[in-house]
Amino acid sequence: MRIFLACLFLALFVMLNARPIAAGADYGFGEISGGQVNEAIEKSTPIRFLPSHPLYFLILVKENFTRFFQPAAADRAEFDFVLSEKRLHEAYQLETVDDVKNSSKALKKYSRRIDTTIYQFEKARSQNQDVTAVTDRIIQDLQWEEILLVAIEKESGFRANGHDFEANLATAIGKFKDLVMAIENVKPGVKNRFTYIRLSDEETQEAPKESTMSSPTVEATASFKPRKVIY
């Protein structure tokens, strides 16, 4: 009897403390290799500290300070896209160490930064600013963001639970598509370059020429010159 009660107690303990596997949404993404993920990490904007690091707040202060001196909407759009890469890079790294809470927050920050990128990009176009450089930069690096988003989605089935992770991931994927369509207005055919995050026929309709979103409440940084910057 004692053995039976002990086994029953052990079974209940395991059931109560076991982490459920997140069901998540089925995005139908194909398989990616570790080499692809490593390349995306290497070629996307690097990060120095993760949010769990005690000096991480200095990174955010420097980012905000730098952005404040961006003189034009095109410059701010490029800088915001750089920051979006950093937030996505952070989200992936945090998920791999099972820090779901901060990974989810990083995905949410990624989506917000993509919103500001689109807003500033459309603002620059409406002001007849030259958006050639920022367009080329975004096209070049969107492929790395695509790989990281797919890698995060693949990991989420095993690690991510709670903290609105699945909702924030779905929003991040949607914002990625929004940015692709904003660039599509300038460089037709860009949407066909992506292997994993494909746009449906409804989603590939031409996006509005002018952004309808309200101006995001973000700080404004010196003209961004280097392609890769560690803050």
Protein backbone atom coordinates (compact mmCIF):
# COMPACT_ATOMS: atom_id res chain seq x y z
CA MET A 1 0.00 0.00 0.00
CA ARG A 2 2.80 2.37 0.88
CA ILE A 3 4.50 1.63 -2.44
CA PHE A 4 1.25 2.33 -4.28
CA LEU A 5 0.74 5.64 -2.46
CA ALA A 6 4.35 6.62 -3.14
CA CYS A 7 3.97 5.90 -6.85
CA LEU A 8 0.69 7.81 -6.95
CA PHE A 9 2.28 10.80 -5.23
CA LEU A 10 5.23 10.71 -7.64
CA ALA A 11 2.91 10.57 -10.65
CA LEU A 12 0.88 13.52 -9.38
CA PHE A 13 4.07 15.50 -8.71
CA VAL A 14 5.33 14.91 -12.25
CA MET A 15 1.95 15.85 -13.77
CA LEU A 16 1.73 19.09 -11.80
CA ASN A 17 5.27 20.21 -12.54
CA ALA A 18 5.66 19.08 -16.12
CA ARG A 19 5.65 21.93 -18.63
CA PRO A 20 3.04 21.46 -21.32
CA ILE A 21 4.25 21.54 -24.92
CA ALA A 22 2.97 24.64 -26.63
CA ALA A 23 0.63 23.78 -29.47
CA GLY A 24 1.22 27.03 -31.30
CA ALA A 25 -0.07 27.96 -34.71
CA ASP A 26 0.79 25.86 -37.73
CA TYR A 27 2.46 28.28 -40.14
CA GLY A 28 3.44 25.56 -42.57
CA PHE A 29 7.08 26.67 -42.60
CA GLY A 30 9.58 24.31 -44.19
CA GLU A 31 12.57 22.94 -42.36
CA ILE A 32 15.67 25.08 -41.88
CA SER A 33 19.17 23.93 -41.04
CA GLY A 34 21.41 24.98 -38.19
CA GLY A 35 23.78 26.40 -40.78
CA GLN A 36 21.06 28.72 -42.08
CA VAL A 37 20.32 29.94 -38.57
CA ASN A 38 24.00 30.48 -37.81
CA GLU A 39 24.40 32.47 -41.03
CA ALA A 40 21.38 34.61 -40.18
CA ILE A 41 22.81 35.34 -36.73
CA GLU A 42 26.23 36.14 -38.17
CA LYS A 43 24.95 38.48 -40.88
CA SER A 44 22.11 40.20 -39.03
CA THR A 45 22.76 43.14 -36.71
CA PRO A 46 24.81 41.84 -33.78
CA ILE A 47 23.94 42.28 -30.12
CA ARG A 48 26.26 42.88 -27.18
CA PHE A 49 24.04 42.18 -24.17
CA LEU A 50 20.75 40.36 -23.63
CA PRO A 51 17.97 42.00 -21.58
CA SER A 52 18.93 39.87 -18.57
CA HIS A 53 22.37 41.55 -18.44
CA PRO A 54 22.68 44.30 -15.80
CA LEU A 55 24.17 46.71 -18.36
CA TYR A 56 21.47 46.16 -20.96
CA PHE A 57 19.72 49.42 -20.05
CA LEU A 58 22.81 51.28 -21.28
CA ILE A 59 22.26 49.75 -24.72
CA LEU A 60 18.71 51.11 -24.82
CA VAL A 61 19.86 54.52 -23.63
CA LYS A 62 22.49 54.68 -26.37
CA GLU A 63 19.99 53.52 -29.01
CA ASN A 64 17.49 56.20 -28.02
CA PHE A 65 20.18 58.86 -27.84
CA THR A 66 21.53 57.93 -31.28
CA ARG A 67 18.08 57.83 -32.84
CA PHE A 68 17.29 61.28 -31.49
CA PHE A 69 19.86 62.77 -33.87
CA GLN A 70 18.63 61.07 -37.03
CA PRO A 71 17.90 64.06 -39.28
CA ALA A 72 15.49 62.58 -41.81
CA ALA A 73 12.68 60.05 -42.02
CA ALA A 74 14.73 57.86 -44.38
CA ASP A 75 17.57 57.75 -41.84
CA ARG A 76 15.17 56.95 -39.03
CA ALA A 77 13.56 54.18 -41.10
CA GLU A 78 16.96 52.58 -41.66
CA PHE A 79 17.94 52.94 -38.03
CA ASP A 80 14.63 51.51 -36.83
CA PHE A 81 15.10 48.51 -39.10
CA VAL A 82 18.56 47.95 -37.60
CA LEU A 83 16.94 47.96 -34.16
CA SER A 84 14.27 45.52 -35.32
CA GLU A 85 17.03 43.08 -36.27
CA LYS A 86 18.55 43.44 -32.82
CA ARG A 87 15.22 42.77 -31.08
CA LEU A 88 14.62 39.69 -33.22
CA HIS A 89 18.16 38.45 -32.60
CA GLU A 90 17.53 38.91 -28.87
CA ALA A 91 14.22 37.04 -29.09
CA TYR A 92 15.92 34.04 -30.67
CA GLN A 93 18.84 33.96 -28.25
CA LEU A 94 16.53 34.30 -25.26
CA GLU A 95 14.30 31.49 -26.48
CA THR A 96 17.25 29.13 -26.90
CA VAL A 97 18.05 29.58 -23.19
CA ASP A 98 14.38 29.08 -22.30
CA ASP A 99 13.83 32.69 -21.18
CA VAL A 100 10.34 32.75 -22.66
CA LYS A 101 9.24 35.85 -20.79
CA ASN A 102 11.95 38.12 -22.18
CA SER A 103 11.85 36.43 -25.59
CA SER A 104 8.15 37.27 -25.81
CA LYS A 105 8.88 40.87 -24.81
CA ALA A 106 11.59 41.08 -27.47
CA LEU A 107 9.13 39.87 -30.12
CA LYS A 108 6.69 42.55 -29.03
CA LYS A 109 9.41 45.20 -29.28
CA TYR A 110 10.34 43.83 -32.71
CA SER A 111 6.78 44.36 -33.94
CA ARG A 112 6.72 47.92 -32.63
CA ARG A 113 10.04 48.69 -34.28
CA ILE A 114 8.79 47.31 -37.60
CA ASP A 115 5.78 49.63 -37.25
CA THR A 116 8.06 52.63 -36.83
CA THR A 117 10.21 51.46 -39.74
CA ILE A 118 7.17 51.36 -42.02
CA TYR A 119 5.89 54.69 -40.73
CA GLN A 120 9.20 56.47 -41.30
CA PHE A 121 9.69 54.75 -44.66
CA GLU A 122 6.30 55.93 -45.91
CA LYS A 123 6.91 59.38 -44.46
CA ALA A 124 10.21 59.62 -46.34
CA ARG A 125 8.48 58.64 -49.58
CA SER A 126 5.73 61.21 -49.05
CA GLN A 127 8.41 63.86 -48.58
CA ASN A 128 10.18 62.74 -51.77
CA GLN A 129 13.28 61.69 -49.86
CA ASP A 130 15.68 59.25 -51.49
CA VAL A 131 14.81 55.85 -50.02
CA THR A 132 17.15 53.84 -52.25
CA ALA A 133 19.69 53.09 -49.51
CA VAL A 134 17.15 52.08 -46.88
CA THR A 135 15.23 49.98 -49.41
CA ASP A 136 18.36 48.09 -50.42
CA ARG A 137 19.35 47.61 -46.78
CA ILE A 138 15.95 46.23 -45.82
CA ILE A 139 15.78 43.90 -48.82
CA GLN A 140 19.24 42.59 -48.03
CA ASP A 141 18.56 41.87 -44.38
CA LEU A 142 14.91 40.77 -44.47
CA GLN A 143 16.13 37.32 -45.49
CA TRP A 144 17.94 37.01 -42.15
CA GLU A 145 14.86 38.16 -40.26
CA GLU A 146 12.82 35.54 -42.11
CA ILE A 147 15.21 32.76 -41.03
CA LEU A 148 15.21 33.94 -37.41
CA LEU A 149 11.40 34.11 -37.30
CA VAL A 150 11.15 30.58 -38.66
CA ALA A 151 13.80 29.38 -36.18
CA ILE A 152 11.87 30.96 -33.31
CA GLU A 153 8.66 29.32 -34.49
CA LYS A 154 10.37 25.93 -34.69
CA GLU A 155 11.74 26.27 -31.16
CA SER A 156 8.42 27.47 -29.74
CA GLY A 157 6.82 24.04 -30.02
CA PHE A 158 9.31 22.72 -27.50
CA ARG A 159 10.11 25.65 -25.26
CA ALA A 160 7.71 28.55 -25.41
CA ASN A 161 4.74 28.54 -23.08
CA GLY A 162 2.87 31.44 -21.57
CA HIS A 163 3.78 35.13 -21.44
CA ASP A 164 1.70 35.72 -24.61
CA PHE A 165 4.54 34.21 -26.60
CA GLU A 166 2.44 32.67 -29.36
CA ALA A 167 0.38 35.85 -29.81
CA ASN A 168 3.50 38.02 -29.96
CA LEU A 169 5.12 35.63 -32.43
CA ALA A 170 2.04 35.72 -34.68
CA THR A 171 2.07 39.53 -34.55
CA ALA A 172 5.79 39.62 -35.38
CA ILE A 173 5.26 37.42 -38.43
CA GLY A 174 2.39 39.66 -39.53
CA LYS A 175 4.53 42.79 -39.15
CA PHE A 176 7.28 41.14 -41.19
CA LYS A 177 4.76 40.66 -43.99
CA ASP A 178 3.62 44.30 -43.65
CA LEU A 179 7.18 45.50 -44.15
CA VAL A 180 7.66 43.24 -47.16
CA MET A 181 4.57 44.76 -48.76
CA ALA A 182 5.75 48.31 -47.99
CA ILE A 183 8.99 47.53 -49.81
CA GLU A 184 7.05 45.83 -52.61
CA ASN A 185 5.60 49.23 -53.52
CA VAL A 186 9.13 50.43 -54.28
CA LYS A 187 10.71 47.21 -55.57
CA PRO A 188 8.02 45.03 -57.18
CA GLY A 189 8.75 41.33 -56.94
CA VAL A 190 10.47 41.47 -53.55
CA LYS A 191 7.66 39.45 -51.97
CA ASN A 192 8.54 36.48 -54.19
CA ARG A 193 12.06 36.21 -52.77
CA PHE A 194 11.04 34.63 -49.49
CA THR A 195 11.16 30.86 -49.16
CA TYR A 196 9.35 30.30 -45.87
CA ILE A 197 7.09 33.24 -45.04
CA ARG A 198 4.99 33.38 -48.18
CA LEU A 199 2.20 35.87 -48.79
CA SER A 200 -1.24 34.65 -49.83
CA ASP A 201 -3.02 36.10 -52.87
CA GLU A 202 -5.02 38.38 -50.57
CA GLU A 203 -1.87 39.56 -48.79
CA THR A 204 -0.01 40.29 -52.01
CA GLN A 205 -2.43 43.02 -53.03
CA GLU A 206 -0.69 46.35 -53.24
CA ALA A 207 -0.33 47.99 -49.86
CA PRO A 208 -1.39 51.63 -49.41
CA LYS A 209 1.08 54.16 -50.73
CA GLU A 210 0.74 56.23 -47.60
CA SER A 211 0.81 54.79 -44.12
CA THR A 212 -2.48 55.18 -42.26
CA MET A 213 -1.00 54.52 -38.84
CA SER A 214 -0.66 57.35 -36.39
CA SER A 215 2.78 58.70 -35.68
CA PRO A 216 4.48 56.33 -33.22
CA THR A 217 5.66 57.80 -29.95
CA VAL A 218 9.36 57.10 -30.34
CA GLU A 219 12.46 59.08 -29.75
CA ALA A 220 14.01 60.52 -32.68
CA THR A 221 19.44 59.49 -33.76
CA ALA A 222 23.23 61.07 -36.27
CA SER A 223 22.87 59.66 -39.71
CA PHE A 224 23.34 55.92 -39.69
CA LYS A 225 26.31 55.02 -41.86
CA PRO A 226 27.80 51.61 -40.98
CA ARG A 227 25.93 48.54 -42.13
CA LYS A 228 26.58 46.67 -38.91
CA VAL A 229 26.83 48.45 -35.60
CA ILE A 230 27.17 47.06 -32.09
CA TYR A 231 25.59 49.37 -29.55
